[in-house]
Amino acid sequence: MKGDRGTPVTFTFDGQLIEAFEGETIAAAVLASGVRMLRETDRRGEPRGLFCNMGICFDCLVEINGATNQRACQFSVADGLKIKSQTSQSMEPCP
């Protein structure tokens, strides 16, 4: 059916409840909710958000359910996810 956006889901981003639709990326859902900043740079603390939207630039790194350095543009939303912005790029390996 044209216009069917899928099953509604909810997740939190920095404690804010966000409604989205199954199949959307975290980046798309957060952007649609009005949030523009996903993290801050290591050195200057400058805001970073969605840039390339295809997994190359790494500007959209977030923490998802405790796992750091996850690209929001490459991860689909799911009901109950707990997502946090990152203030620095973790040196720990990704799970």
PDB file of N, CA and C in Angstrom:
ATOM      1  N   MET A   1       0.841  -1.185   0.000  1.00  0.00           N
ATOM      2  CA  MET A   1       0.000   0.000   0.000  1.00  0.00           C
ATOM      3  C   MET A   1       0.882   1.244   0.000  1.00  0.00           C
ATOM      4  N   LYS A   2       0.611   2.155  -0.876  1.00  0.00           N
ATOM      5  CA  LYS A   2       1.375   3.387  -0.964  1.00  0.00           C
ATOM      6  C   LYS A   2       1.163   4.224   0.293  1.00  0.00           C
ATOM      7  N   GLY A   3       2.267   4.735   0.833  1.00  0.00           N
ATOM      8  CA  GLY A   3       2.179   5.570   2.021  1.00  0.00           C
ATOM      9  C   GLY A   3       2.272   4.813   3.326  1.00  0.00           C
ATOM     10  N   ASP A   4       2.319   3.497   3.292  1.00  0.00           N
ATOM     11  CA  ASP A   4       2.455   2.712   4.514  1.00  0.00           C
ATOM     12  C   ASP A   4       3.879   2.852   5.027  1.00  0.00           C
ATOM     13  N   ARG A   5       4.038   3.394   6.210  1.00  0.00           N
ATOM     14  CA  ARG A   5       5.367   3.654   6.755  1.00  0.00           C
ATOM     15  C   ARG A   5       5.880   2.523   7.621  1.00  0.00           C
ATOM     16  N   GLY A   6       5.097   1.509   7.840  1.00  0.00           N
ATOM     17  CA  GLY A   6       5.545   0.396   8.659  1.00  0.00           C
ATOM     18  C   GLY A   6       5.023   0.470  10.076  1.00  0.00           C
ATOM     19  N   THR A   7       5.512  -0.438  10.893  1.00  0.00           N
ATOM     20  CA  THR A   7       5.080  -0.540  12.279  1.00  0.00           C
ATOM     21  C   THR A   7       5.709   0.566  13.125  1.00  0.00           C
ATOM     22  N   PRO A   8       4.903   1.289  13.903  1.00  0.00           N
ATOM     23  CA  PRO A   8       5.461   2.319  14.777  1.00  0.00           C
ATOM     24  C   PRO A   8       6.298   1.696  15.897  1.00  0.00           C
ATOM     25  N   VAL A   9       7.404   2.349  16.228  1.00  0.00           N
ATOM     26  CA  VAL A   9       8.268   1.940  17.337  1.00  0.00           C
ATOM     27  C   VAL A   9       8.659   3.188  18.116  1.00  0.00           C
ATOM     28  N   THR A  10       9.105   2.989  19.344  1.00  0.00           N
ATOM     29  CA  THR A  10       9.627   4.102  20.135  1.00  0.00           C
ATOM     30  C   THR A  10      10.987   3.718  20.696  1.00  0.00           C
ATOM     31  N   PHE A  11      11.841   4.719  20.837  1.00  0.00           N
ATOM     32  CA  PHE A  11      13.163   4.535  21.430  1.00  0.00           C
ATOM     33  C   PHE A  11      13.541   5.840  22.111  1.00  0.00           C
ATOM     34  N   THR A  12      14.616   5.832  22.875  1.00  0.00           N
ATOM     35  CA  THR A  12      15.060   7.067  23.508  1.00  0.00           C
ATOM     36  C   THR A  12      16.390   7.509  22.916  1.00  0.00           C
ATOM     37  N   PHE A  13      16.541   8.812  22.787  1.00  0.00           N
ATOM     38  CA  PHE A  13      17.795   9.433  22.377  1.00  0.00           C
ATOM     39  C   PHE A  13      18.120  10.486  23.419  1.00  0.00           C
ATOM     40  N   ASP A  14      19.193  10.260  24.167  1.00  0.00           N
ATOM     41  CA  ASP A  14      19.576  11.147  25.275  1.00  0.00           C
ATOM     42  C   ASP A  14      18.402  11.383  26.224  1.00  0.00           C
ATOM     43  N   GLY A  15      17.644  10.323  26.482  1.00  0.00           N
ATOM     44  CA  GLY A  15      16.531  10.385  27.415  1.00  0.00           C
ATOM     45  C   GLY A  15      15.217  10.876  26.823  1.00  0.00           C
ATOM     46  N   GLN A  16      15.234  11.384  25.603  1.00  0.00           N
ATOM     47  CA  GLN A  16      14.027  11.885  24.940  1.00  0.00           C
ATOM     48  C   GLN A  16      13.356  10.743  24.188  1.00  0.00           C
ATOM     49  N   LEU A  17      12.072  10.537  24.442  1.00  0.00           N
ATOM     50  CA  LEU A  17      11.317   9.497  23.748  1.00  0.00           C
ATOM     51  C   LEU A  17      11.052   9.939  22.311  1.00  0.00           C
ATOM     52  N   ILE A  18      11.405   9.078  21.360  1.00  0.00           N
ATOM     53  CA  ILE A  18      11.227   9.390  19.941  1.00  0.00           C
ATOM     54  C   ILE A  18      10.383   8.303  19.292  1.00  0.00           C
ATOM     55  N   GLU A  19       9.404   8.730  18.509  1.00  0.00           N
ATOM     56  CA  GLU A  19       8.569   7.802  17.754  1.00  0.00           C
ATOM     57  C   GLU A  19       9.118   7.705  16.340  1.00  0.00           C
ATOM     58  N   ALA A  20       9.148   6.491  15.815  1.00  0.00           N
ATOM     59  CA  ALA A  20       9.672   6.256  14.469  1.00  0.00           C
ATOM     60  C   ALA A  20       8.902   5.096  13.854  1.00  0.00           C
ATOM     61  N   PHE A  21       9.362   4.654  12.702  1.00  0.00           N
ATOM     62  CA  PHE A  21       8.737   3.530  12.027  1.00  0.00           C
ATOM     63  C   PHE A  21       9.779   2.473  11.707  1.00  0.00           C
ATOM     64  N   GLU A  22       9.405   1.222  11.907  1.00  0.00           N
ATOM     65  CA  GLU A  22      10.283   0.100  11.625  1.00  0.00           C
ATOM     66  C   GLU A  22      10.863   0.240  10.216  1.00  0.00           C
ATOM     67  N   GLY A  23      12.167   0.023  10.090  1.00  0.00           N
ATOM     68  CA  GLY A  23      12.835   0.137   8.800  1.00  0.00           C
ATOM     69  C   GLY A  23      13.578   1.447   8.611  1.00  0.00           C
ATOM     70  N   GLU A  24      13.241   2.469   9.393  1.00  0.00           N
ATOM     71  CA  GLU A  24      13.964   3.738   9.325  1.00  0.00           C
ATOM     72  C   GLU A  24      15.306   3.597  10.034  1.00  0.00           C
ATOM     73  N   THR A  25      16.294   4.358   9.597  1.00  0.00           N
ATOM     74  CA  THR A  25      17.557   4.383  10.331  1.00  0.00           C
ATOM     75  C   THR A  25      17.398   5.279  11.554  1.00  0.00           C
ATOM     76  N   ILE A  26      18.283   5.074  12.516  1.00  0.00           N
ATOM     77  CA  ILE A  26      18.284   5.939  13.697  1.00  0.00           C
ATOM     78  C   ILE A  26      18.479   7.386  13.270  1.00  0.00           C
ATOM     79  N   ALA A  27      19.412   7.617  12.353  1.00  0.00           N
ATOM     80  CA  ALA A  27      19.690   8.982  11.895  1.00  0.00           C
ATOM     81  C   ALA A  27      18.443   9.638  11.315  1.00  0.00           C
ATOM     82  N   ALA A  28      17.713   8.938  10.464  1.00  0.00           N
ATOM     83  CA  ALA A  28      16.508   9.490   9.846  1.00  0.00           C
ATOM     84  C   ALA A  28      15.439   9.786  10.892  1.00  0.00           C
ATOM     85  N   ALA A  29      15.267   8.872  11.829  1.00  0.00           N
ATOM     86  CA  ALA A  29      14.241   9.047  12.856  1.00  0.00           C
ATOM     87  C   ALA A  29      14.570  10.207  13.790  1.00  0.00           C
ATOM     88  N   VAL A  30      15.829  10.316  14.186  1.00  0.00           N
ATOM     89  CA  VAL A  30      16.243  11.403  15.076  1.00  0.00           C
ATOM     90  C   VAL A  30      16.108  12.744  14.348  1.00  0.00           C
ATOM     91  N   LEU A  31      16.538  12.796  13.100  1.00  0.00           N
ATOM     92  CA  LEU A  31      16.421  14.017  12.304  1.00  0.00           C
ATOM     93  C   LEU A  31      14.956  14.419  12.143  1.00  0.00           C
ATOM     94  N   ALA A  32      14.084  13.453  11.863  1.00  0.00           N
ATOM     95  CA  ALA A  32      12.656  13.729  11.701  1.00  0.00           C
ATOM     96  C   ALA A  32      12.024  14.264  12.983  1.00  0.00           C
ATOM     97  N   SER A  33      12.613  13.914  14.132  1.00  0.00           N
ATOM     98  CA  SER A  33      12.080  14.390  15.412  1.00  0.00           C
ATOM     99  C   SER A  33      12.566  15.798  15.751  1.00  0.00           C
ATOM    100  N   GLY A  34      13.466  16.337  14.921  1.00  0.00           N
ATOM    101  CA  GLY A  34      13.952  17.697  15.150  1.00  0.00           C
ATOM    102  C   GLY A  34      15.333  17.790  15.766  1.00  0.00           C
ATOM    103  N   VAL A  35      15.930  16.673  16.120  1.00  0.00           N
ATOM    104  CA  VAL A  35      17.277  16.671  16.702  1.00  0.00           C
ATOM    105  C   VAL A  35      18.286  16.794  15.566  1.00  0.00           C
ATOM    106  N   ARG A  36      19.215  17.725  15.692  1.00  0.00           N
ATOM    107  CA  ARG A  36      20.214  17.940  14.643  1.00  0.00           C
ATOM    108  C   ARG A  36      21.609  17.470  15.046  1.00  0.00           C
ATOM    109  N   MET A  37      21.919  17.458  16.335  1.00  0.00           N
ATOM    110  CA  MET A  37      23.256  17.082  16.784  1.00  0.00           C
ATOM    111  C   MET A  37      23.260  15.655  17.331  1.00  0.00           C
ATOM    112  N   LEU A  38      24.146  14.818  16.798  1.00  0.00           N
ATOM    113  CA  LEU A  38      24.263  13.437  17.255  1.00  0.00           C
ATOM    114  C   LEU A  38      25.457  13.231  18.180  1.00  0.00           C
ATOM    115  N   ARG A  39      26.491  14.057  18.032  1.00  0.00           N
ATOM    116  CA  ARG A  39      27.676  13.937  18.880  1.00  0.00           C
ATOM    117  C   ARG A  39      28.474  15.222  18.819  1.00  0.00           C
ATOM    118  N   GLU A  40      29.558  15.284  19.616  1.00  0.00           N
ATOM    119  CA  GLU A  40      30.503  16.394  19.589  1.00  0.00           C
ATOM    120  C   GLU A  40      31.875  15.863  19.205  1.00  0.00           C
ATOM    121  N   THR A  41      32.683  16.714  18.555  1.00  0.00           N
ATOM    122  CA  THR A  41      34.031  16.301  18.171  1.00  0.00           C
ATOM    123  C   THR A  41      34.925  16.179  19.394  1.00  0.00           C
ATOM    124  N   ASP A  42      35.971  15.366  19.257  1.00  0.00           N
ATOM    125  CA  ASP A  42      36.897  15.122  20.362  1.00  0.00           C
ATOM    126  C   ASP A  42      37.640  16.381  20.801  1.00  0.00           C
ATOM    127  N   ARG A  43      38.228  17.076  19.877  1.00  0.00           N
ATOM    128  CA  ARG A  43      39.125  18.185  20.211  1.00  0.00           C
ATOM    129  C   ARG A  43      38.419  19.470  20.599  1.00  0.00           C
ATOM    130  N   ARG A  44      37.464  19.885  19.815  1.00  0.00           N
ATOM    131  CA  ARG A  44      36.843  21.191  20.033  1.00  0.00           C
ATOM    132  C   ARG A  44      35.430  21.134  20.597  1.00  0.00           C
ATOM    133  N   GLY A  45      34.870  19.958  20.683  1.00  0.00           N
ATOM    134  CA  GLY A  45      33.503  19.849  21.173  1.00  0.00           C
ATOM    135  C   GLY A  45      32.483  20.431  20.210  1.00  0.00           C
ATOM    136  N   GLU A  46      32.814  20.415  18.919  1.00  0.00           N
ATOM    137  CA  GLU A  46      31.905  20.966  17.916  1.00  0.00           C
ATOM    138  C   GLU A  46      30.793  19.972  17.593  1.00  0.00           C
ATOM    139  N   PRO A  47      29.593  20.476  17.349  1.00  0.00           N
ATOM    140  CA  PRO A  47      28.472  19.578  17.063  1.00  0.00           C
ATOM    141  C   PRO A  47      28.617  18.883  15.718  1.00  0.00           C
ATOM    142  N   ARG A  48      28.187  17.647  15.678  1.00  0.00           N
ATOM    143  CA  ARG A  48      28.167  16.869  14.442  1.00  0.00           C
ATOM    144  C   ARG A  48      26.806  16.204  14.329  1.00  0.00           C
ATOM    145  N   GLY A  49      26.323  16.116  13.112  1.00  0.00           N
ATOM    146  CA  GLY A  49      25.041  15.481  12.850  1.00  0.00           C
ATOM    147  C   GLY A  49      25.137  14.613  11.622  1.00  0.00           C
ATOM    148  N   LEU A  50      24.036  14.466  10.958  1.00  0.00           N
ATOM    149  CA  LEU A  50      23.985  13.660   9.747  1.00  0.00           C
ATOM    150  C   LEU A  50      24.695  14.403   8.615  1.00  0.00           C
ATOM    151  N   PHE A  51      25.647  13.750   7.958  1.00  0.00           N
ATOM    152  CA  PHE A  51      26.388  14.386   6.869  1.00  0.00           C
ATOM    153  C   PHE A  51      26.261  13.572   5.586  1.00  0.00           C
ATOM    154  N   CYS A  52      26.944  12.433   5.507  1.00  0.00           N
ATOM    155  CA  CYS A  52      26.925  11.665   4.252  1.00  0.00           C
ATOM    156  C   CYS A  52      25.718  10.728   4.160  1.00  0.00           C
ATOM    157  N   ASN A  53      25.210  10.270   5.288  1.00  0.00           N
ATOM    158  CA  ASN A  53      24.064   9.363   5.380  1.00  0.00           C
ATOM    159  C   ASN A  53      24.278   8.045   4.629  1.00  0.00           C
ATOM    160  N   MET A  54      25.550   7.622   4.510  1.00  0.00           N
ATOM    161  CA  MET A  54      25.820   6.330   3.879  1.00  0.00           C
ATOM    162  C   MET A  54      26.984   5.590   4.531  1.00  0.00           C
ATOM    163  N   GLY A  55      27.359   5.997   5.741  1.00  0.00           N
ATOM    164  CA  GLY A  55      28.330   5.244   6.519  1.00  0.00           C
ATOM    165  C   GLY A  55      29.788   5.520   6.260  1.00  0.00           C
ATOM    166  N   ILE A  56      30.107   6.573   5.527  1.00  0.00           N
ATOM    167  CA  ILE A  56      31.503   6.841   5.189  1.00  0.00           C
ATOM    168  C   ILE A  56      32.153   7.867   6.117  1.00  0.00           C
ATOM    169  N   CYS A  57      31.444   8.905   6.508  1.00  0.00           N
ATOM    170  CA  CYS A  57      32.073  10.029   7.218  1.00  0.00           C
ATOM    171  C   CYS A  57      32.222   9.813   8.726  1.00  0.00           C
ATOM    172  N   PHE A  58      31.444   8.953   9.326  1.00  0.00           N
ATOM    173  CA  PHE A  58      31.469   8.667  10.758  1.00  0.00           C
ATOM    174  C   PHE A  58      31.096   9.876  11.627  1.00  0.00           C
ATOM    175  N   ASP A  59      30.428  10.870  11.070  1.00  0.00           N
ATOM    176  CA  ASP A  59      29.982  12.006  11.869  1.00  0.00           C
ATOM    177  C   ASP A  59      28.771  11.667  12.735  1.00  0.00           C
ATOM    178  N   CYS A  60      28.098  10.567  12.450  1.00  0.00           N
ATOM    179  CA  CYS A  60      26.861  10.230  13.168  1.00  0.00           C
ATOM    180  C   CYS A  60      27.065   9.152  14.236  1.00  0.00           C
ATOM    181  N   LEU A  61      28.280   9.037  14.778  1.00  0.00           N
ATOM    182  CA  LEU A  61      28.533   8.007  15.787  1.00  0.00           C
ATOM    183  C   LEU A  61      27.707   8.247  17.042  1.00  0.00           C
ATOM    184  N   VAL A  62      27.071   7.195  17.522  1.00  0.00           N
ATOM    185  CA  VAL A  62      26.264   7.238  18.737  1.00  0.00           C
ATOM    186  C   VAL A  62      26.532   5.985  19.561  1.00  0.00           C
ATOM    187  N   GLU A  63      26.006   5.988  20.765  1.00  0.00           N
ATOM    188  CA  GLU A  63      26.042   4.802  21.629  1.00  0.00           C
ATOM    189  C   GLU A  63      24.663   4.158  21.583  1.00  0.00           C
ATOM    190  N   ILE A  64      24.618   2.867  21.258  1.00  0.00           N
ATOM    191  CA  ILE A  64      23.352   2.146  21.165  1.00  0.00           C
ATOM    192  C   ILE A  64      23.353   1.014  22.182  1.00  0.00           C
ATOM    193  N   ASN A  65      22.464   1.108  23.166  1.00  0.00           N
ATOM    194  CA  ASN A  65      22.377   0.095  24.229  1.00  0.00           C
ATOM    195  C   ASN A  65      23.747  -0.223  24.826  1.00  0.00           C
ATOM    196  N   GLY A  66      24.561   0.810  25.028  1.00  0.00           N
ATOM    197  CA  GLY A  66      25.873   0.650  25.659  1.00  0.00           C
ATOM    198  C   GLY A  66      27.021   0.397  24.707  1.00  0.00           C
ATOM    199  N   ALA A  67      26.749   0.118  23.438  1.00  0.00           N
ATOM    200  CA  ALA A  67      27.808  -0.118  22.446  1.00  0.00           C
ATOM    201  C   ALA A  67      28.166   1.212  21.780  1.00  0.00           C
ATOM    202  N   THR A  68      29.421   1.647  21.931  1.00  0.00           N
ATOM    203  CA  THR A  68      29.849   2.925  21.379  1.00  0.00           C
ATOM    204  C   THR A  68      30.248   2.808  19.910  1.00  0.00           C
ATOM    205  N   ASN A  69      30.451   3.966  19.298  1.00  0.00           N
ATOM    206  CA  ASN A  69      30.934   4.078  17.913  1.00  0.00           C
ATOM    207  C   ASN A  69      30.042   3.387  16.889  1.00  0.00           C
ATOM    208  N   GLN A  70      28.745   3.494  17.079  1.00  0.00           N
ATOM    209  CA  GLN A  70      27.786   2.923  16.132  1.00  0.00           C
ATOM    210  C   GLN A  70      27.317   4.029  15.193  1.00  0.00           C
ATOM    211  N   ARG A  71      27.286   3.756  13.909  1.00  0.00           N
ATOM    212  CA  ARG A  71      26.850   4.748  12.923  1.00  0.00           C
ATOM    213  C   ARG A  71      25.323   4.776  12.858  1.00  0.00           C
ATOM    214  N   ALA A  72      24.752   5.907  13.237  1.00  0.00           N
ATOM    215  CA  ALA A  72      23.294   6.053  13.272  1.00  0.00           C
ATOM    216  C   ALA A  72      22.666   5.920  11.893  1.00  0.00           C
ATOM    217  N   CYS A  73      23.436   6.208  10.848  1.00  0.00           N
ATOM    218  CA  CYS A  73      22.888   6.116   9.489  1.00  0.00           C
ATOM    219  C   CYS A  73      22.877   4.687   8.964  1.00  0.00           C
ATOM    220  N   GLN A  74      23.472   3.763   9.699  1.00  0.00           N
ATOM    221  CA  GLN A  74      23.561   2.374   9.250  1.00  0.00           C
ATOM    222  C   GLN A  74      22.780   1.409  10.139  1.00  0.00           C
ATOM    223  N   PHE A  75      22.152   1.894  11.182  1.00  0.00           N
ATOM    224  CA  PHE A  75      21.486   1.056  12.173  1.00  0.00           C
ATOM    225  C   PHE A  75      19.994   1.370  12.158  1.00  0.00           C
ATOM    226  N   SER A  76      19.173   0.365  11.988  1.00  0.00           N
ATOM    227  CA  SER A  76      17.718   0.565  11.957  1.00  0.00           C
ATOM    228  C   SER A  76      17.145   0.685  13.359  1.00  0.00           C
ATOM    229  N   VAL A  77      16.096   1.478  13.481  1.00  0.00           N
ATOM    230  CA  VAL A  77      15.428   1.639  14.768  1.00  0.00           C
ATOM    231  C   VAL A  77      14.752   0.334  15.174  1.00  0.00           C
ATOM    232  N   ALA A  78      14.613   0.165  16.458  1.00  0.00           N
ATOM    233  CA  ALA A  78      13.878  -0.967  17.021  1.00  0.00           C
ATOM    234  C   ALA A  78      13.224  -0.482  18.302  1.00  0.00           C
ATOM    235  N   ASP A  79      12.116  -1.080  18.629  1.00  0.00           N
ATOM    236  CA  ASP A  79      11.380  -0.691  19.822  1.00  0.00           C
ATOM    237  C   ASP A  79      12.245  -0.873  21.063  1.00  0.00           C
ATOM    238  N   GLY A  80      12.321   0.177  21.883  1.00  0.00           N
ATOM    239  CA  GLY A  80      13.010   0.098  23.160  1.00  0.00           C
ATOM    240  C   GLY A  80      14.498   0.397  23.148  1.00  0.00           C
ATOM    241  N   LEU A  81      15.078   0.733  22.000  1.00  0.00           N
ATOM    242  CA  LEU A  81      16.510   1.061  21.970  1.00  0.00           C
ATOM    243  C   LEU A  81      16.799   2.250  22.878  1.00  0.00           C
ATOM    244  N   LYS A  82      17.979   2.215  23.500  1.00  0.00           N
ATOM    245  CA  LYS A  82      18.452   3.340  24.306  1.00  0.00           C
ATOM    246  C   LYS A  82      19.700   3.888  23.610  1.00  0.00           C
ATOM    247  N   ILE A  83      19.554   5.065  23.040  1.00  0.00           N
ATOM    248  CA  ILE A  83      20.616   5.661  22.240  1.00  0.00           C
ATOM    249  C   ILE A  83      21.087   6.940  22.920  1.00  0.00           C
ATOM    250  N   LYS A  84      22.401   7.130  22.930  1.00  0.00           N
ATOM    251  CA  LYS A  84      22.989   8.334  23.523  1.00  0.00           C
ATOM    252  C   LYS A  84      23.945   8.970  22.526  1.00  0.00           C
ATOM    253  N   SER A  85      24.026  10.305  22.591  1.00  0.00           N
ATOM    254  CA  SER A  85      25.030  10.993  21.789  1.00  0.00           C
ATOM    255  C   SER A  85      26.394  10.734  22.415  1.00  0.00           C
ATOM    256  N   GLN A  86      27.429  10.848  21.604  1.00  0.00           N
ATOM    257  CA  GLN A  86      28.791  10.647  22.092  1.00  0.00           C
ATOM    258  C   GLN A  86      29.491  11.994  22.161  1.00  0.00           C
ATOM    259  N   THR A  87      30.266  12.202  23.220  1.00  0.00           N
ATOM    260  CA  THR A  87      31.041  13.432  23.324  1.00  0.00           C
ATOM    261  C   THR A  87      32.459  13.222  22.824  1.00  0.00           C
ATOM    262  N   SER A  88      32.834  11.979  22.584  1.00  0.00           N
ATOM    263  CA  SER A  88      34.141  11.686  21.996  1.00  0.00           C
ATOM    264  C   SER A  88      34.074  10.327  21.325  1.00  0.00           C
ATOM    265  N   GLN A  89      35.036  10.082  20.465  1.00  0.00           N
ATOM    266  CA  GLN A  89      35.099   8.787  19.790  1.00  0.00           C
ATOM    267  C   GLN A  89      35.838   7.821  20.699  1.00  0.00           C
ATOM    268  N   SER A  90      35.166   6.799  21.129  1.00  0.00           N
ATOM    269  CA  SER A  90      35.756   5.812  22.023  1.00  0.00           C
ATOM    270  C   SER A  90      36.875   5.063  21.327  1.00  0.00           C
ATOM    271  N   MET A  91      37.913   4.747  22.077  1.00  0.00           N
ATOM    272  CA  MET A  91      39.013   3.969  21.522  1.00  0.00           C
ATOM    273  C   MET A  91      38.778   2.474  21.723  1.00  0.00           C
ATOM    274  N   GLU A  92      37.696   2.132  22.401  1.00  0.00           N
ATOM    275  CA  GLU A  92      37.375   0.725  22.613  1.00  0.00           C
ATOM    276  C   GLU A  92      36.841   0.127  21.322  1.00  0.00           C
ATOM    277  N   PRO A  93      37.138  -1.140  21.066  1.00  0.00           N
ATOM    278  CA  PRO A  93      36.635  -1.763  19.841  1.00  0.00           C
ATOM    279  C   PRO A  93      35.120  -1.888  19.854  1.00  0.00           C
ATOM    280  N   CYS A  94      34.532  -1.794  18.688  1.00  0.00           N
ATOM    281  CA  CYS A  94      33.089  -1.976  18.546  1.00  0.00           C
ATOM    282  C   CYS A  94      32.744  -3.444  18.735  1.00  0.00           C
ATOM    283  N   PRO A  95      31.586  -3.733  19.344  1.00  0.00           N
ATOM    284  CA  PRO A  95      31.194  -5.140  19.520  1.00  0.00           C
ATOM    285  C   PRO A  95      30.811  -5.788  18.205  1.00  0.00           C
TER     286      PRO A  95
END
